[in-house]
C-alpha atoms as a PDB file:
ATOM      1  CA  UNK A   1       4.165  31.324  12.884  1.00  0.00           C
ATOM      2  CA  UNK A   2       5.061  29.238  15.931  1.00  0.00           C
ATOM      3  CA  UNK A   3       1.487  29.359  17.254  1.00  0.00           C
ATOM      4  CA  UNK A   4       0.184  28.308  13.839  1.00  0.00           C
ATOM      5  CA  UNK A   5       2.505  25.278  13.756  1.00  0.00           C
ATOM      6  CA  UNK A   6       1.649  24.330  17.340  1.00  0.00           C
ATOM      7  CA  UNK A   7      -2.075  24.615  16.608  1.00  0.00           C
ATOM      8  CA  UNK A   8      -1.746  22.431  13.492  1.00  0.00           C
ATOM      9  CA  UNK A   9       0.198  19.795  15.414  1.00  0.00           C
ATOM     10  CA  UNK A  10      -2.410  19.786  18.197  1.00  0.00           C
ATOM     11  CA  UNK A  11      -5.147  19.368  15.607  1.00  0.00           C
ATOM     12  CA  UNK A  12      -3.218  16.472  14.043  1.00  0.00           C
ATOM     13  CA  UNK A  13      -2.938  14.670  17.388  1.00  0.00           C
ATOM     14  CA  UNK A  14      -6.631  15.266  18.078  1.00  0.00           C
ATOM     15  CA  UNK A  15      -7.617  13.886  14.658  1.00  0.00           C
ATOM     16  CA  UNK A  16      -5.376  10.833  15.161  1.00  0.00           C
ATOM     17  CA  UNK A  17      -7.068  10.088  18.485  1.00  0.00           C
ATOM     18  CA  UNK A  18     -10.476  10.554  16.874  1.00  0.00           C
ATOM     19  CA  UNK A  19      -9.583   8.186  14.021  1.00  0.00           C
ATOM     20  CA  UNK A  20      -8.299   5.576  16.480  1.00  0.00           C
ATOM     21  CA  UNK A  21     -11.552   5.663  18.446  1.00  0.00           C
ATOM     22  CA  UNK A  22     -13.583   5.433  15.242  1.00  0.00           C
ATOM     23  CA  UNK A  23     -11.501   2.495  13.985  1.00  0.00           C
ATOM     24  CA  UNK A  24     -11.972   0.633  17.268  1.00  0.00           C
ATOM     25  CA  UNK A  25     -15.745   0.656  16.802  1.00  0.00           C
ATOM     26  CA  UNK A  26     -15.444  -1.526  13.676  1.00  0.00           C
ATOM     27  CA  UNK A  27     -16.482  -5.115  14.380  1.00  0.00           C
ATOM     28  CA  UNK A  28     -14.435  -8.040  13.143  1.00  0.00           C
ATOM     29  CA  UNK A  29     -10.880  -7.723  11.867  1.00  0.00           C
ATOM     30  CA  UNK A  30     -11.125  -3.999  11.173  1.00  0.00           C
ATOM     31  CA  UNK A  31      -9.242  -2.249   8.404  1.00  0.00           C
ATOM     32  CA  UNK A  32      -6.069  -4.326   8.752  1.00  0.00           C
ATOM     33  CA  UNK A  33      -6.916  -8.024   9.265  1.00  0.00           C
ATOM     34  CA  UNK A  34      -4.247 -10.051  11.030  1.00  0.00           C
ATOM     35  CA  UNK A  35      -2.581  -7.079  12.718  1.00  0.00           C
ATOM     36  CA  UNK A  36      -3.186  -8.100  16.323  1.00  0.00           C
ATOM     37  CA  UNK A  37      -0.830  -5.427  17.687  1.00  0.00           C
ATOM     38  CA  UNK A  38      -2.757  -2.681  15.831  1.00  0.00           C
ATOM     39  CA  UNK A  39       0.513  -1.100  14.706  1.00  0.00           C
ATOM     40  CA  UNK A  40      -0.693  -0.659  11.116  1.00  0.00           C
ATOM     41  CA  UNK A  41      -3.846   1.039  12.353  1.00  0.00           C
ATOM     42  CA  UNK A  42      -1.810   3.398  14.530  1.00  0.00           C
ATOM     43  CA  UNK A  43       0.435   4.341  11.614  1.00  0.00           C
ATOM     44  CA  UNK A  44      -2.613   4.863   9.424  1.00  0.00           C
ATOM     45  CA  UNK A  45      -4.168   7.150  12.040  1.00  0.00           C
ATOM     46  CA  UNK A  46      -1.011   9.263  12.420  1.00  0.00           C
ATOM     47  CA  UNK A  47      -0.334   9.719   8.719  1.00  0.00           C
ATOM     48  CA  UNK A  48      -3.943  10.324   7.738  1.00  0.00           C
ATOM     49  CA  UNK A  49      -4.382  12.816  10.588  1.00  0.00           C
ATOM     50  CA  UNK A  50      -1.223  14.660   9.546  1.00  0.00           C
ATOM     51  CA  UNK A  51      -2.489  14.823   5.961  1.00  0.00           C
ATOM     52  CA  UNK A  52      -5.871  16.169   7.085  1.00  0.00           C
ATOM     53  CA  UNK A  53      -4.386  18.819   9.379  1.00  0.00           C
ATOM     54  CA  UNK A  54      -1.893  20.020   6.743  1.00  0.00           C
ATOM     55  CA  UNK A  55      -4.600  20.327   4.071  1.00  0.00           C
ATOM     56  CA  UNK A  56      -7.294  22.414   5.681  1.00  0.00           C
ATOM     57  CA  UNK A  57      -7.989  20.365   8.776  1.00  0.00           C
ATOM     58  CA  UNK A  58     -11.223  20.550  10.712  1.00  0.00           C
ATOM     59  CA  UNK A  59     -10.923  24.213  11.687  1.00  0.00           C
ATOM     60  CA  UNK A  60      -9.696  23.383  15.167  1.00  0.00           C
ATOM     61  CA  UNK A  61      -6.188  24.781  14.546  1.00  0.00           C
ATOM     62  CA  UNK A  62      -7.540  28.164  13.462  1.00  0.00           C
ATOM     63  CA  UNK A  63      -9.884  28.355  16.441  1.00  0.00           C
ATOM     64  CA  UNK A  64      -7.139  27.392  18.857  1.00  0.00           C
ATOM     65  CA  UNK A  65      -4.711  29.868  17.330  1.00  0.00           C
ATOM     66  CA  UNK A  66      -7.283  32.680  17.564  1.00  0.00           C
ATOM     67  CA  UNK A  67      -7.978  31.834  21.195  1.00  0.00           C
ATOM     68  CA  UNK A  68      -4.232  31.757  22.002  1.00  0.00           C
ATOM     69  CA  UNK A  69      -3.720  35.116  20.255  1.00  0.00           C
ATOM     70  CA  UNK A  70      -6.499  36.724  22.319  1.00  0.00           C
ATOM     71  CA  UNK A  71      -5.354  35.223  25.627  1.00  0.00           C
ATOM     72  CA  UNK A  72      -1.706  36.153  25.243  1.00  0.00           C
ATOM     73  CA  UNK A  73      -0.614  32.784  23.888  1.00  0.00           C
ATOM     74  CA  UNK A  74       2.185  30.545  24.931  1.00  0.00           C
END
């Protein structure tokens, strides 16, 4: 169960980083106009990534957990 939780959390962080990079490619004011510090975008990335990883994810958590199980895990 601990490996499953760790894998899901890793996937969530990965998705958040992916979303941030995707958001930064948007020209102009982006998704949250007027937020020069990008704090709203960061919060959006974290919460949306957590939602994705808790509801099926991208399959990365399952792959990582399988690899950790085979290699002896952490």
